[in-house]
Amino acid sequence: MAAAVADYRPRTVSEQKIKKSDDNLNLPLTRTA
């Protein structure tokens, strides 16, 4: 197991490109398996 597997992923994946509508983006994460 030489891969560097991500420990976290975004809790939800946006179906559309997230626009620059706010100076602060809140990106909740959750643990990967």
Full PDB file with SEQRES, HELIX, SHEET, SSBOND, CRYST1, ORIGX, SCALE, CONECT and MASTER records, all heavy atoms in Angstrom:
SEQRES   1 A   33  MET ALA ALA ALA VAL ALA ASP TYR ARG PRO ARG THR VAL          
SEQRES   2 A   33  SER GLU GLN LYS ILE LYS LYS SER ASP ASP ASN LEU ASN          
SEQRES   3 A   33  LEU PRO LEU THR ARG THR ALA                                  
SHEET    1 AA1 2 TYR A   8  PRO A  10  0                                        
SHEET    2 AA1 2 LEU A  29  ARG A  31 -1                                        
CRYST1    1.000    1.000    1.000  90.00  90.00  90.00 P 1           1          
ORIGX1      1.000000  0.000000  0.000000        0.00000                         
ORIGX2      0.000000  1.000000  0.000000        0.00000                         
ORIGX3      0.000000  0.000000  1.000000        0.00000                         
SCALE1      1.000000  0.000000  0.000000        0.00000                         
SCALE2      0.000000  1.000000  0.000000        0.00000                         
SCALE3      0.000000  0.000000  1.000000        0.00000                         
ATOM      1  N   MET A   1       0.843  -1.189   0.000  1.00  0.00           N  
ATOM      2  CA  MET A   1       0.000   0.000   0.000  1.00  0.00           C  
ATOM      3  C   MET A   1       0.883   1.246   0.000  1.00  0.00           C  
ATOM      4  O   MET A   1       1.087   1.907   1.022  1.00  0.00           O  
ATOM      5  CB  MET A   1      -0.910  -0.031   1.233  1.00  0.00           C  
ATOM      6  CG  MET A   1      -2.104   0.898   1.149  1.00  0.00           C  
ATOM      7  SD  MET A   1      -3.313   0.303  -0.041  1.00  0.00           S  
ATOM      8  CE  MET A   1      -4.342   1.777  -0.168  1.00  0.00           C  
ATOM      9  N   ALA A   2       1.429   1.556  -1.191  1.00  0.00           N  
ATOM     10  CA  ALA A   2       2.331   2.699  -1.313  1.00  0.00           C  
ATOM     11  C   ALA A   2       1.604   3.990  -1.656  1.00  0.00           C  
ATOM     12  O   ALA A   2       2.213   5.060  -1.641  1.00  0.00           O  
ATOM     13  CB  ALA A   2       3.385   2.406  -2.378  1.00  0.00           C  
ATOM     14  N   ALA A   3       0.315   3.914  -1.979  1.00  0.00           N  
ATOM     15  CA  ALA A   3      -0.444   5.111  -2.345  1.00  0.00           C  
ATOM     16  C   ALA A   3      -0.620   6.037  -1.154  1.00  0.00           C  
ATOM     17  O   ALA A   3      -0.665   5.604   0.000  1.00  0.00           O  
ATOM     18  CB  ALA A   3      -1.806   4.708  -2.899  1.00  0.00           C  
ATOM     19  N   ALA A   4      -0.721   7.326  -1.450  1.00  0.00           N  
ATOM     20  CA  ALA A   4      -1.041   8.327  -0.438  1.00  0.00           C  
ATOM     21  C   ALA A   4      -2.538   8.597  -0.521  1.00  0.00           C  
ATOM     22  O   ALA A   4      -3.000   9.426  -1.310  1.00  0.00           O  
ATOM     23  CB  ALA A   4      -0.239   9.611  -0.672  1.00  0.00           C  
ATOM     24  N   VAL A   5      -3.285   7.870   0.277  1.00  0.00           N  
ATOM     25  CA  VAL A   5      -4.749   7.953   0.224  1.00  0.00           C  
ATOM     26  C   VAL A   5      -5.221   9.122   1.082  1.00  0.00           C  
ATOM     27  O   VAL A   5      -4.778   9.291   2.223  1.00  0.00           O  
ATOM     28  CB  VAL A   5      -5.388   6.640   0.719  1.00  0.00           C  
ATOM     29  CG1 VAL A   5      -6.904   6.706   0.611  1.00  0.00           C  
ATOM     30  CG2 VAL A   5      -4.851   5.457  -0.073  1.00  0.00           C  
ATOM     31  N   ALA A   6      -6.117   9.915   0.535  1.00  0.00           N  
ATOM     32  CA  ALA A   6      -6.641  11.065   1.279  1.00  0.00           C  
ATOM     33  C   ALA A   6      -7.354  10.606   2.551  1.00  0.00           C  
ATOM     34  O   ALA A   6      -8.122   9.640   2.526  1.00  0.00           O  
ATOM     35  CB  ALA A   6      -7.607  11.861   0.401  1.00  0.00           C  
ATOM     36  N   ASP A   7      -7.088  11.288   3.658  1.00  0.00           N  
ATOM     37  CA  ASP A   7      -7.758  10.965   4.917  1.00  0.00           C  
ATOM     38  C   ASP A   7      -9.142  11.603   4.993  1.00  0.00           C  
ATOM     39  O   ASP A   7     -10.001  11.129   5.740  1.00  0.00           O  
ATOM     40  CB  ASP A   7      -6.913  11.441   6.099  1.00  0.00           C  
ATOM     41  CG  ASP A   7      -5.607  10.680   6.209  1.00  0.00           C  
ATOM     42  OD1 ASP A   7      -5.610   9.465   5.952  1.00  0.00           O  
ATOM     43  OD2 ASP A   7      -4.577  11.292   6.543  1.00  0.00           O  
ATOM     44  N   TYR A   8      -9.329  12.676   4.218  1.00  0.00           N  
ATOM     45  CA  TYR A   8     -10.607  13.391   4.245  1.00  0.00           C  
ATOM     46  C   TYR A   8     -11.067  13.689   2.832  1.00  0.00           C  
ATOM     47  O   TYR A   8     -10.272  13.817   1.899  1.00  0.00           O  
ATOM     48  CB  TYR A   8     -10.464  14.721   5.013  1.00  0.00           C  
ATOM     49  CG  TYR A   8     -10.181  14.542   6.483  1.00  0.00           C  
ATOM     50  CD1 TYR A   8      -8.869  14.468   6.944  1.00  0.00           C  
ATOM     51  CD2 TYR A   8     -11.208  14.438   7.413  1.00  0.00           C  
ATOM     52  CE1 TYR A   8      -8.593  14.288   8.293  1.00  0.00           C  
ATOM     53  CE2 TYR A   8     -10.947  14.271   8.756  1.00  0.00           C  
ATOM     54  CZ  TYR A   8      -9.643  14.194   9.194  1.00  0.00           C  
ATOM     55  OH  TYR A   8      -9.372  14.013  10.534  1.00  0.00           O  
ATOM     56  N   ARG A   9     -12.377  13.814   2.690  1.00  0.00           N  
ATOM     57  CA  ARG A   9     -13.004  14.206   1.431  1.00  0.00           C  
ATOM     58  C   ARG A   9     -14.118  15.200   1.736  1.00  0.00           C  
ATOM     59  O   ARG A   9     -14.630  15.246   2.869  1.00  0.00           O  
ATOM     60  CB  ARG A   9     -13.569  12.984   0.714  1.00  0.00           C  
ATOM     61  CG  ARG A   9     -14.638  12.251   1.496  1.00  0.00           C  
ATOM     62  CD  ARG A   9     -15.269  11.126   0.702  1.00  0.00           C  
ATOM     63  NE  ARG A   9     -16.220  10.360   1.499  1.00  0.00           N  
ATOM     64  CZ  ARG A   9     -17.474  10.740   1.764  1.00  0.00           C  
ATOM     65  NH1 ARG A   9     -17.932  11.897   1.269  1.00  0.00           N  
ATOM     66  NH2 ARG A   9     -18.278   9.980   2.492  1.00  0.00           N  
ATOM     67  N   PRO A  10     -14.516  16.011   0.761  1.00  0.00           N  
ATOM     68  CA  PRO A  10     -15.646  16.906   0.983  1.00  0.00           C  
ATOM     69  C   PRO A  10     -16.903  16.115   1.345  1.00  0.00           C  
ATOM     70  O   PRO A  10     -17.178  15.062   0.755  1.00  0.00           O  
ATOM     71  CB  PRO A  10     -15.805  17.623  -0.360  1.00  0.00           C  
ATOM     72  CG  PRO A  10     -14.443  17.589  -0.966  1.00  0.00           C  
ATOM     73  CD  PRO A  10     -13.869  16.267  -0.544  1.00  0.00           C  
ATOM     74  N   ARG A  11     -17.646  16.616   2.317  1.00  0.00           N  
ATOM     75  CA  ARG A  11     -18.854  15.911   2.756  1.00  0.00           C  
ATOM     76  C   ARG A  11     -19.866  15.805   1.632  1.00  0.00           C  
ATOM     77  O   ARG A  11     -20.554  14.783   1.473  1.00  0.00           O  
ATOM     78  CB  ARG A  11     -19.463  16.646   3.953  1.00  0.00           C  
ATOM     79  CG  ARG A  11     -20.660  15.943   4.567  1.00  0.00           C  
ATOM     80  CD  ARG A  11     -21.120  16.672   5.814  1.00  0.00           C  
ATOM     81  NE  ARG A  11     -20.056  16.674   6.827  1.00  0.00           N  
ATOM     82  CZ  ARG A  11     -20.053  17.465   7.906  1.00  0.00           C  
ATOM     83  NH1 ARG A  11     -21.051  18.322   8.089  1.00  0.00           N  
ATOM     84  NH2 ARG A  11     -19.070  17.408   8.779  1.00  0.00           N  
ATOM     85  N   THR A  12     -19.966  16.846   0.819  1.00  0.00           N  
ATOM     86  CA  THR A  12     -20.836  16.817  -0.352  1.00  0.00           C  
ATOM     87  C   THR A  12     -20.053  17.330  -1.557  1.00  0.00           C  
ATOM     88  O   THR A  12     -19.142  18.152  -1.413  1.00  0.00           O  
ATOM     89  CB  THR A  12     -22.086  17.694  -0.159  1.00  0.00           C  
ATOM     90  OG1 THR A  12     -21.685  19.046   0.096  1.00  0.00           O  
ATOM     91  CG2 THR A  12     -22.935  17.182   0.995  1.00  0.00           C  
ATOM     92  N   VAL A  13     -20.416  16.834  -2.730  1.00  0.00           N  
ATOM     93  CA  VAL A  13     -19.767  17.267  -3.965  1.00  0.00           C  
ATOM     94  C   VAL A  13     -20.780  18.078  -4.764  1.00  0.00           C  
ATOM     95  O   VAL A  13     -21.870  17.596  -5.082  1.00  0.00           O  
ATOM     96  CB  VAL A  13     -19.288  16.059  -4.794  1.00  0.00           C  
ATOM     97  CG1 VAL A  13     -18.651  16.532  -6.098  1.00  0.00           C  
ATOM     98  CG2 VAL A  13     -18.309  15.222  -3.992  1.00  0.00           C  
ATOM     99  N   SER A  14     -20.415  19.306  -5.086  1.00  0.00           N  
ATOM    100  CA  SER A  14     -21.312  20.168  -5.838  1.00  0.00           C  
ATOM    101  C   SER A  14     -21.442  19.682  -7.277  1.00  0.00           C  
ATOM    102  O   SER A  14     -20.437  19.355  -7.923  1.00  0.00           O  
ATOM    103  CB  SER A  14     -20.793  21.608  -5.831  1.00  0.00           C  
ATOM    104  OG  SER A  14     -21.587  22.434  -6.653  1.00  0.00           O  
ATOM    105  N   GLU A  15     -22.676  19.626  -7.770  1.00  0.00           N  
ATOM    106  CA  GLU A  15     -22.885  19.201  -9.148  1.00  0.00           C  
ATOM    107  C   GLU A  15     -22.488  20.292 -10.137  1.00  0.00           C  
ATOM    108  O   GLU A  15     -22.216  20.010 -11.297  1.00  0.00           O  
ATOM    109  CB  GLU A  15     -24.354  18.827  -9.361  1.00  0.00           C  
ATOM    110  CG  GLU A  15     -24.793  17.589  -8.568  1.00  0.00           C  
ATOM    111  CD  GLU A  15     -26.220  17.211  -8.860  1.00  0.00           C  
ATOM    112  OE1 GLU A  15     -26.869  17.916  -9.682  1.00  0.00           O  
ATOM    113  OE2 GLU A  15     -26.701  16.211  -8.297  1.00  0.00           O  
ATOM    114  N   GLN A  16     -22.459  21.525  -9.678  1.00  0.00           N  
ATOM    115  CA  GLN A  16     -22.079  22.654 -10.517  1.00  0.00           C  
ATOM    116  C   GLN A  16     -20.801  23.290  -9.984  1.00  0.00           C  
ATOM    117  O   GLN A  16     -20.476  23.160  -8.806  1.00  0.00           O  
ATOM    118  CB  GLN A  16     -23.204  23.712 -10.549  1.00  0.00           C  
ATOM    119  CG  GLN A  16     -24.553  23.176 -10.983  1.00  0.00           C  
ATOM    120  CD  GLN A  16     -24.544  22.627 -12.391  1.00  0.00           C  
ATOM    121  OE1 GLN A  16     -23.794  23.127 -13.254  1.00  0.00           O  
ATOM    122  NE2 GLN A  16     -25.353  21.598 -12.642  1.00  0.00           N  
ATOM    123  N   LYS A  17     -20.091  23.969 -10.848  1.00  0.00           N  
ATOM    124  CA  LYS A  17     -18.882  24.664 -10.411  1.00  0.00           C  
ATOM    125  C   LYS A  17     -19.231  25.717  -9.372  1.00  0.00           C  
ATOM    126  O   LYS A  17     -20.146  26.514  -9.557  1.00  0.00           O  
ATOM    127  CB  LYS A  17     -18.200  25.315 -11.611  1.00  0.00           C  
ATOM    128  CG  LYS A  17     -16.942  26.096 -11.232  1.00  0.00           C  
ATOM    129  CD  LYS A  17     -16.339  26.799 -12.431  1.00  0.00           C  
ATOM    130  CE  LYS A  17     -15.161  27.666 -12.005  1.00  0.00           C  
ATOM    131  NZ  LYS A  17     -14.584  28.404 -13.145  1.00  0.00           N  
ATOM    132  N   ILE A  18     -18.483  25.697  -8.267  1.00  0.00           N  
ATOM    133  CA  ILE A  18     -18.708  26.667  -7.197  1.00  0.00           C  
ATOM    134  C   ILE A  18     -18.152  28.018  -7.639  1.00  0.00           C  
ATOM    135  O   ILE A  18     -16.983  28.134  -8.014  1.00  0.00           O  
ATOM    136  CB  ILE A  18     -18.035  26.209  -5.890  1.00  0.00           C  
ATOM    137  CG1 ILE A  18     -18.621  24.863  -5.451  1.00  0.00           C  
ATOM    138  CG2 ILE A  18     -18.193  27.261  -4.804  1.00  0.00           C  
ATOM    139  CD1 ILE A  18     -17.903  24.247  -4.274  1.00  0.00           C  
ATOM    140  N   LYS A  19     -18.997  29.053  -7.591  1.00  0.00           N  
ATOM    141  CA  LYS A  19     -18.606  30.382  -8.035  1.00  0.00           C  
ATOM    142  C   LYS A  19     -17.948  31.170  -6.904  1.00  0.00           C  
ATOM    143  O   LYS A  19     -18.144  30.885  -5.722  1.00  0.00           O  
ATOM    144  CB  LYS A  19     -19.828  31.150  -8.557  1.00  0.00           C  
ATOM    145  CG  LYS A  19     -20.513  30.497  -9.740  1.00  0.00           C  
ATOM    146  CD  LYS A  19     -19.587  30.448 -10.956  1.00  0.00           C  
ATOM    147  CE  LYS A  19     -20.313  29.905 -12.175  1.00  0.00           C  
ATOM    148  NZ  LYS A  19     -19.430  29.849 -13.361  1.00  0.00           N  
ATOM    149  N   LYS A  20     -17.196  32.179  -7.296  1.00  0.00           N  
ATOM    150  CA  LYS A  20     -16.535  33.054  -6.317  1.00  0.00           C  
ATOM    151  C   LYS A  20     -17.530  34.115  -5.825  1.00  0.00           C  
ATOM    152  O   LYS A  20     -17.410  35.294  -6.130  1.00  0.00           O  
ATOM    153  CB  LYS A  20     -15.316  33.715  -6.943  1.00  0.00           C  
ATOM    154  CG  LYS A  20     -14.183  32.762  -7.261  1.00  0.00           C  
ATOM    155  CD  LYS A  20     -12.930  33.488  -7.710  1.00  0.00           C  
ATOM    156  CE  LYS A  20     -13.130  34.129  -9.070  1.00  0.00           C  
ATOM    157  NZ  LYS A  20     -11.883  34.748  -9.570  1.00  0.00           N  
ATOM    158  N   SER A  21     -18.487  33.661  -5.035  1.00  0.00           N  
ATOM    159  CA  SER A  21     -19.539  34.570  -4.566  1.00  0.00           C  
ATOM    160  C   SER A  21     -19.273  35.083  -3.170  1.00  0.00           C  
ATOM    161  O   SER A  21     -19.958  35.987  -2.685  1.00  0.00           O  
ATOM    162  CB  SER A  21     -20.903  33.857  -4.608  1.00  0.00           C  
ATOM    163  OG  SER A  21     -20.853  32.691  -3.814  1.00  0.00           O  
ATOM    164  N   ASP A  22     -18.284  34.493  -2.504  1.00  0.00           N  
ATOM    165  CA  ASP A  22     -18.021  34.858  -1.107  1.00  0.00           C  
ATOM    166  C   ASP A  22     -16.520  34.781  -0.886  1.00  0.00           C  
ATOM    167  O   ASP A  22     -15.827  33.924  -1.447  1.00  0.00           O  
ATOM    168  CB  ASP A  22     -18.749  33.886  -0.172  1.00  0.00           C  
ATOM    169  CG  ASP A  22     -18.798  34.421   1.262  1.00  0.00           C  
ATOM    170  OD1 ASP A  22     -17.929  35.245   1.607  1.00  0.00           O  
ATOM    171  OD2 ASP A  22     -19.681  33.997   2.014  1.00  0.00           O  
ATOM    172  N   ASP A  23     -15.998  35.703  -0.057  1.00  0.00           N  
ATOM    173  CA  ASP A  23     -14.570  35.690   0.243  1.00  0.00           C  
ATOM    174  C   ASP A  23     -14.181  34.470   1.079  1.00  0.00           C  
ATOM    175  O   ASP A  23     -13.019  34.070   1.083  1.00  0.00           O  
ATOM    176  CB  ASP A  23     -14.159  36.967   0.983  1.00  0.00           C  
ATOM    177  CG  ASP A  23     -14.220  38.184   0.074  1.00  0.00           C  
ATOM    178  OD1 ASP A  23     -14.180  38.002  -1.155  1.00  0.00           O  
ATOM    179  OD2 ASP A  23     -14.305  39.311   0.600  1.00  0.00           O  
ATOM    180  N   ASN A  24     -15.115  33.900   1.787  1.00  0.00           N  
ATOM    181  CA  ASN A  24     -14.841  32.753   2.652  1.00  0.00           C  
ATOM    182  C   ASN A  24     -15.699  31.567   2.215  1.00  0.00           C  
ATOM    183  O   ASN A  24     -16.924  31.630   2.247  1.00  0.00           O  
ATOM    184  CB  ASN A  24     -15.151  33.098   4.111  1.00  0.00           C  
ATOM    185  CG  ASN A  24     -14.266  34.215   4.622  1.00  0.00           C  
ATOM    186  OD1 ASN A  24     -13.044  34.141   4.528  1.00  0.00           O  
ATOM    187  ND2 ASN A  24     -14.887  35.277   5.134  1.00  0.00           N  
ATOM    188  N   LEU A  25     -15.034  30.509   1.805  1.00  0.00           N  
ATOM    189  CA  LEU A  25     -15.735  29.301   1.399  1.00  0.00           C  
ATOM    190  C   LEU A  25     -15.685  28.291   2.533  1.00  0.00           C  
ATOM    191  O   LEU A  25     -14.615  27.936   3.023  1.00  0.00           O  
ATOM    192  CB  LEU A  25     -15.086  28.690   0.147  1.00  0.00           C  
ATOM    193  CG  LEU A  25     -15.623  27.333  -0.303  1.00  0.00           C  
ATOM    194  CD1 LEU A  25     -17.082  27.452  -0.747  1.00  0.00           C  
ATOM    195  CD2 LEU A  25     -14.760  26.748  -1.421  1.00  0.00           C  
ATOM    196  N   ASN A  26     -16.832  27.836   2.953  1.00  0.00           N  
ATOM    197  CA  ASN A  26     -16.915  26.807   3.989  1.00  0.00           C  
ATOM    198  C   ASN A  26     -17.015  25.446   3.310  1.00  0.00           C  
ATOM    199  O   ASN A  26     -17.977  25.171   2.589  1.00  0.00           O  
ATOM    200  CB  ASN A  26     -18.143  27.062   4.880  1.00  0.00           C  
ATOM    201  CG  ASN A  26     -18.228  26.046   5.996  1.00  0.00           C  
ATOM    202  OD1 ASN A  26     -17.239  25.438   6.385  1.00  0.00           O  
ATOM    203  ND2 ASN A  26     -19.433  25.861   6.517  1.00  0.00           N  
ATOM    204  N   LEU A  27     -16.022  24.597   3.542  1.00  0.00           N  
ATOM    205  CA  LEU A  27     -15.970  23.304   2.875  1.00  0.00           C  
ATOM    206  C   LEU A  27     -15.898  22.196   3.920  1.00  0.00           C  
ATOM    207  O   LEU A  27     -14.819  21.776   4.326  1.00  0.00           O  
ATOM    208  CB  LEU A  27     -14.744  23.225   1.948  1.00  0.00           C  
ATOM    209  CG  LEU A  27     -14.624  21.979   1.061  1.00  0.00           C  
ATOM    210  CD1 LEU A  27     -15.760  21.927   0.048  1.00  0.00           C  
ATOM    211  CD2 LEU A  27     -13.272  21.972   0.346  1.00  0.00           C  
ATOM    212  N   PRO A  28     -17.028  21.707   4.405  1.00  0.00           N  
ATOM    213  CA  PRO A  28     -17.022  20.640   5.411  1.00  0.00           C  
ATOM    214  C   PRO A  28     -16.396  19.360   4.859  1.00  0.00           C  
ATOM    215  O   PRO A  28     -16.648  18.966   3.718  1.00  0.00           O  
ATOM    216  CB  PRO A  28     -18.514  20.431   5.721  1.00  0.00           C  
ATOM    217  CG  PRO A  28     -19.197  21.662   5.207  1.00  0.00           C  
ATOM    218  CD  PRO A  28     -18.397  22.121   4.053  1.00  0.00           C  
ATOM    219  N   LEU A  29     -15.573  18.716   5.677  1.00  0.00           N  
ATOM    220  CA  LEU A  29     -14.906  17.478   5.282  1.00  0.00           C  
ATOM    221  C   LEU A  29     -15.364  16.332   6.156  1.00  0.00           C  
ATOM    222  O   LEU A  29     -15.819  16.527   7.276  1.00  0.00           O  
ATOM    223  CB  LEU A  29     -13.383  17.629   5.401  1.00  0.00           C  
ATOM    224  CG  LEU A  29     -12.721  18.739   4.590  1.00  0.00           C  
ATOM    225  CD1 LEU A  29     -11.227  18.789   4.888  1.00  0.00           C  
ATOM    226  CD2 LEU A  29     -12.955  18.549   3.098  1.00  0.00           C  
ATOM    227  N   THR A  30     -15.215  15.136   5.629  1.00  0.00           N  
ATOM    228  CA  THR A  30     -15.517  13.935   6.387  1.00  0.00           C  
ATOM    229  C   THR A  30     -14.436  12.901   6.130  1.00  0.00           C  
ATOM    230  O   THR A  30     -13.740  12.956   5.103  1.00  0.00           O  
ATOM    231  CB  THR A  30     -16.907  13.379   6.001  1.00  0.00           C  
ATOM    232  OG1 THR A  30     -17.234  12.304   6.874  1.00  0.00           O  
ATOM    233  CG2 THR A  30     -16.935  12.888   4.567  1.00  0.00           C  
ATOM    234  N   ARG A  31     -14.272  11.955   7.035  1.00  0.00           N  
ATOM    235  CA  ARG A  31     -13.222  10.955   6.904  1.00  0.00           C  
ATOM    236  C   ARG A  31     -13.498  10.006   5.742  1.00  0.00           C  
ATOM    237  O   ARG A  31     -14.644   9.633   5.475  1.00  0.00           O  
ATOM    238  CB  ARG A  31     -13.117  10.130   8.196  1.00  0.00           C  
ATOM    239  CG  ARG A  31     -12.358  10.813   9.328  1.00  0.00           C  
ATOM    240  CD  ARG A  31     -10.886  10.957   9.015  1.00  0.00           C  
ATOM    241  NE  ARG A  31     -10.233   9.713   8.667  1.00  0.00           N  
ATOM    242  CZ  ARG A  31      -9.660   8.891   9.538  1.00  0.00           C  
ATOM    243  NH1 ARG A  31      -9.675   9.183  10.838  1.00  0.00           N  
ATOM    244  NH2 ARG A  31      -9.075   7.793   9.137  1.00  0.00           N  
ATOM    245  N   THR A  32     -12.441   9.606   5.071  1.00  0.00           N  
ATOM    246  CA  THR A  32     -12.543   8.548   4.061  1.00  0.00           C  
ATOM    247  C   THR A  32     -12.402   7.184   4.749  1.00  0.00           C  
ATOM    248  O   THR A  32     -11.931   7.100   5.891  1.00  0.00           O  
ATOM    249  CB  THR A  32     -11.446   8.690   2.998  1.00  0.00           C  
ATOM    250  OG1 THR A  32     -10.163   8.635   3.640  1.00  0.00           O  
ATOM    251  CG2 THR A  32     -11.574  10.006   2.248  1.00  0.00           C  
ATOM    252  N   ALA A  33     -12.793   6.149   4.062  1.00  0.00           N  
ATOM    253  CA  ALA A  33     -12.648   4.801   4.617  1.00  0.00           C  
ATOM    254  C   ALA A  33     -11.174   4.440   4.742  1.00  0.00           C  
ATOM    255  O   ALA A  33     -10.360   4.802   3.889  1.00  0.00           O  
ATOM    256  CB  ALA A  33     -13.369   3.795   3.722  1.00  0.00           C  
TER     257      ALA A  33                                                      
MASTER        0    0    0    0    2    0    0    6  256    1    0    3          
END                                                                             
